[in-house]
């Protein structure tokens, strides 16, 4: 459990870093919308909306990956509670938390790849 807690702290620090990068990219994107004074106001508004959609989609992507992981952990713990089919429930509980810790790595990779696509 302590290893999972440490791993989750590292994961949330990673998320914080990624969202700081996304905020920087979003600000840069927004500044780009105002580069030309010849653009009509409607085009500027559409450009700004595109910038906001990108960061919103990335946020939703990260949230959905976290939600899936939490649901898998909850299901694993629920399965471990049913001790009729298990020889050693403690090992099963430990396995649930180890799987959750490993999922943080794969989620981090997915998030980093998805966020890199946002220019």
C-alpha atoms as a PDB file:
ATOM      1  CA  UNK A   1       0.000   0.000   0.000  1.00  0.00           C
ATOM      2  CA  UNK A   2       2.892   2.354   0.789  1.00  0.00           C
ATOM      3  CA  UNK A   3       4.439   1.604  -2.614  1.00  0.00           C
ATOM      4  CA  UNK A   4       1.128   2.416  -4.304  1.00  0.00           C
ATOM      5  CA  UNK A   5       0.851   5.667  -2.368  1.00  0.00           C
ATOM      6  CA  UNK A   6       4.389   6.664  -3.377  1.00  0.00           C
ATOM      7  CA  UNK A   7       3.693   5.719  -7.000  1.00  0.00           C
ATOM      8  CA  UNK A   8       0.452   7.713  -7.029  1.00  0.00           C
ATOM      9  CA  UNK A   9       2.302  10.781  -5.672  1.00  0.00           C
ATOM     10  CA  UNK A  10       4.842  10.458  -8.485  1.00  0.00           C
ATOM     11  CA  UNK A  11       1.978  10.080 -10.954  1.00  0.00           C
ATOM     12  CA  UNK A  12       0.219  13.233  -9.740  1.00  0.00           C
ATOM     13  CA  UNK A  13       3.492  15.165  -9.914  1.00  0.00           C
ATOM     14  CA  UNK A  14       3.800  13.918 -13.511  1.00  0.00           C
ATOM     15  CA  UNK A  15       0.238  15.088 -14.238  1.00  0.00           C
ATOM     16  CA  UNK A  16       0.965  18.484 -12.738  1.00  0.00           C
ATOM     17  CA  UNK A  17       4.011  18.847 -14.972  1.00  0.00           C
ATOM     18  CA  UNK A  18       2.043  17.772 -18.055  1.00  0.00           C
ATOM     19  CA  UNK A  19      -0.744  20.242 -17.352  1.00  0.00           C
ATOM     20  CA  UNK A  20       1.772  23.034 -16.798  1.00  0.00           C
ATOM     21  CA  UNK A  21       3.181  22.227 -20.236  1.00  0.00           C
ATOM     22  CA  UNK A  22      -0.358  22.145 -21.661  1.00  0.00           C
ATOM     23  CA  UNK A  23      -1.154  25.532 -20.143  1.00  0.00           C
ATOM     24  CA  UNK A  24       1.995  26.949 -21.711  1.00  0.00           C
ATOM     25  CA  UNK A  25       1.060  25.466 -25.092  1.00  0.00           C
ATOM     26  CA  UNK A  26      -2.481  26.782 -24.750  1.00  0.00           C
ATOM     27  CA  UNK A  27      -1.208  30.287 -23.955  1.00  0.00           C
ATOM     28  CA  UNK A  28       1.150  30.127 -26.917  1.00  0.00           C
ATOM     29  CA  UNK A  29      -1.739  28.960 -29.097  1.00  0.00           C
ATOM     30  CA  UNK A  30      -3.902  31.837 -27.864  1.00  0.00           C
ATOM     31  CA  UNK A  31      -1.156  34.375 -28.573  1.00  0.00           C
ATOM     32  CA  UNK A  32      -0.935  33.003 -32.109  1.00  0.00           C
ATOM     33  CA  UNK A  33      -4.630  33.845 -32.587  1.00  0.00           C
ATOM     34  CA  UNK A  34      -3.820  37.552 -32.118  1.00  0.00           C
ATOM     35  CA  UNK A  35      -0.690  37.689 -34.309  1.00  0.00           C
ATOM     36  CA  UNK A  36      -2.431  39.346 -37.239  1.00  0.00           C
ATOM     37  CA  UNK A  37      -4.564  42.441 -36.827  1.00  0.00           C
ATOM     38  CA  UNK A  38      -6.076  41.725 -40.240  1.00  0.00           C
ATOM     39  CA  UNK A  39      -8.009  38.697 -38.952  1.00  0.00           C
ATOM     40  CA  UNK A  40     -11.721  39.284 -38.375  1.00  0.00           C
ATOM     41  CA  UNK A  41     -12.958  38.935 -34.806  1.00  0.00           C
ATOM     42  CA  UNK A  42     -14.903  35.765 -35.691  1.00  0.00           C
ATOM     43  CA  UNK A  43     -11.726  34.052 -36.861  1.00  0.00           C
ATOM     44  CA  UNK A  44      -9.925  35.048 -33.680  1.00  0.00           C
ATOM     45  CA  UNK A  45     -12.792  33.651 -31.596  1.00  0.00           C
ATOM     46  CA  UNK A  46     -12.738  30.383 -33.537  1.00  0.00           C
ATOM     47  CA  UNK A  47      -8.964  30.145 -33.106  1.00  0.00           C
ATOM     48  CA  UNK A  48      -9.270  30.687 -29.336  1.00  0.00           C
ATOM     49  CA  UNK A  49     -12.015  28.065 -29.152  1.00  0.00           C
ATOM     50  CA  UNK A  50      -9.739  25.571 -30.919  1.00  0.00           C
ATOM     51  CA  UNK A  51      -7.014  26.278 -28.353  1.00  0.00           C
ATOM     52  CA  UNK A  52      -9.433  25.698 -25.464  1.00  0.00           C
ATOM     53  CA  UNK A  53     -10.832  22.513 -27.019  1.00  0.00           C
ATOM     54  CA  UNK A  54      -7.365  21.011 -27.256  1.00  0.00           C
ATOM     55  CA  UNK A  55      -6.582  21.449 -23.581  1.00  0.00           C
ATOM     56  CA  UNK A  56     -10.091  20.306 -22.593  1.00  0.00           C
ATOM     57  CA  UNK A  57      -9.740  17.129 -24.647  1.00  0.00           C
ATOM     58  CA  UNK A  58      -6.368  16.382 -23.040  1.00  0.00           C
ATOM     59  CA  UNK A  59      -7.810  16.957 -19.552  1.00  0.00           C
ATOM     60  CA  UNK A  60     -10.740  14.651 -20.305  1.00  0.00           C
ATOM     61  CA  UNK A  61      -8.387  12.012 -21.722  1.00  0.00           C
ATOM     62  CA  UNK A  62      -6.290  12.019 -18.531  1.00  0.00           C
ATOM     63  CA  UNK A  63      -9.395  11.963 -16.315  1.00  0.00           C
ATOM     64  CA  UNK A  64     -10.901   9.012 -18.198  1.00  0.00           C
ATOM     65  CA  UNK A  65      -7.661   6.976 -17.912  1.00  0.00           C
ATOM     66  CA  UNK A  66      -7.586   7.634 -14.152  1.00  0.00           C
ATOM     67  CA  UNK A  67     -11.250   6.709 -13.801  1.00  0.00           C
ATOM     68  CA  UNK A  68     -10.725   3.421 -15.675  1.00  0.00           C
ATOM     69  CA  UNK A  69      -7.806   2.571 -13.399  1.00  0.00           C
ATOM     70  CA  UNK A  70      -9.825   3.306 -10.251  1.00  0.00           C
ATOM     71  CA  UNK A  71     -12.686   1.145 -11.525  1.00  0.00           C
ATOM     72  CA  UNK A  72     -10.313  -1.751 -12.252  1.00  0.00           C
ATOM     73  CA  UNK A  73      -8.814  -1.466  -8.769  1.00  0.00           C
ATOM     74  CA  UNK A  74     -12.273  -1.394  -7.161  1.00  0.00           C
ATOM     75  CA  UNK A  75     -13.333  -4.480  -9.152  1.00  0.00           C
ATOM     76  CA  UNK A  76     -10.147  -6.321  -8.210  1.00  0.00           C
ATOM     77  CA  UNK A  77     -10.690  -5.535  -4.512  1.00  0.00           C
ATOM     78  CA  UNK A  78     -14.315  -6.638  -4.789  1.00  0.00           C
ATOM     79  CA  UNK A  79     -13.198  -9.913  -6.371  1.00  0.00           C
ATOM     80  CA  UNK A  80     -10.657 -10.383  -3.583  1.00  0.00           C
ATOM     81  CA  UNK A  81     -13.418  -9.926  -1.012  1.00  0.00           C
ATOM     82  CA  UNK A  82     -15.151 -13.023  -2.360  1.00  0.00           C
ATOM     83  CA  UNK A  83     -12.969 -15.540  -0.598  1.00  0.00           C
ATOM     84  CA  UNK A  84     -14.818 -18.636  -1.782  1.00  0.00           C
ATOM     85  CA  UNK A  85     -12.713 -18.964  -4.932  1.00  0.00           C
ATOM     86  CA  UNK A  86      -9.394 -17.786  -3.533  1.00  0.00           C
ATOM     87  CA  UNK A  87      -6.706 -19.776  -1.805  1.00  0.00           C
ATOM     88  CA  UNK A  88      -4.973 -16.708  -0.315  1.00  0.00           C
ATOM     89  CA  UNK A  89      -6.955 -13.440  -0.300  1.00  0.00           C
ATOM     90  CA  UNK A  90      -3.988 -11.435   1.043  1.00  0.00           C
ATOM     91  CA  UNK A  91      -1.954 -12.296  -2.050  1.00  0.00           C
ATOM     92  CA  UNK A  92      -4.921 -11.288  -4.207  1.00  0.00           C
ATOM     93  CA  UNK A  93      -5.253  -7.918  -2.446  1.00  0.00           C
ATOM     94  CA  UNK A  94      -1.520  -7.293  -2.862  1.00  0.00           C
ATOM     95  CA  UNK A  95      -1.827  -8.212  -6.514  1.00  0.00           C
ATOM     96  CA  UNK A  96      -4.593  -5.628  -6.946  1.00  0.00           C
ATOM     97  CA  UNK A  97      -2.373  -2.862  -5.632  1.00  0.00           C
ATOM     98  CA  UNK A  98       0.615  -4.020  -7.675  1.00  0.00           C
ATOM     99  CA  UNK A  99      -1.529  -3.996 -10.811  1.00  0.00           C
ATOM    100  CA  UNK A 100      -2.683  -0.472  -9.956  1.00  0.00           C
ATOM    101  CA  UNK A 101       0.913   0.687  -9.523  1.00  0.00           C
ATOM    102  CA  UNK A 102       1.873  -0.818 -12.883  1.00  0.00           C
ATOM    103  CA  UNK A 103      -1.153   0.851 -14.503  1.00  0.00           C
ATOM    104  CA  UNK A 104       0.223   4.241 -13.447  1.00  0.00           C
ATOM    105  CA  UNK A 105       3.202   3.606 -15.745  1.00  0.00           C
ATOM    106  CA  UNK A 106       1.058   2.736 -18.746  1.00  0.00           C
ATOM    107  CA  UNK A 107      -1.313   5.640 -18.074  1.00  0.00           C
ATOM    108  CA  UNK A 108       1.671   8.003 -17.836  1.00  0.00           C
ATOM    109  CA  UNK A 109       2.917   6.793 -21.218  1.00  0.00           C
ATOM    110  CA  UNK A 110      -0.534   7.202 -22.804  1.00  0.00           C
ATOM    111  CA  UNK A 111      -0.985  10.688 -21.371  1.00  0.00           C
ATOM    112  CA  UNK A 112       2.469  11.814 -22.429  1.00  0.00           C
ATOM    113  CA  UNK A 113       1.868  10.527 -25.971  1.00  0.00           C
ATOM    114  CA  UNK A 114      -1.577  12.159 -26.170  1.00  0.00           C
ATOM    115  CA  UNK A 115      -0.377  15.479 -24.762  1.00  0.00           C
ATOM    116  CA  UNK A 116       2.583  15.550 -27.171  1.00  0.00           C
ATOM    117  CA  UNK A 117       0.085  15.585 -30.037  1.00  0.00           C
ATOM    118  CA  UNK A 118      -1.201  18.965 -28.850  1.00  0.00           C
ATOM    119  CA  UNK A 119       0.899  21.617 -30.528  1.00  0.00           C
END
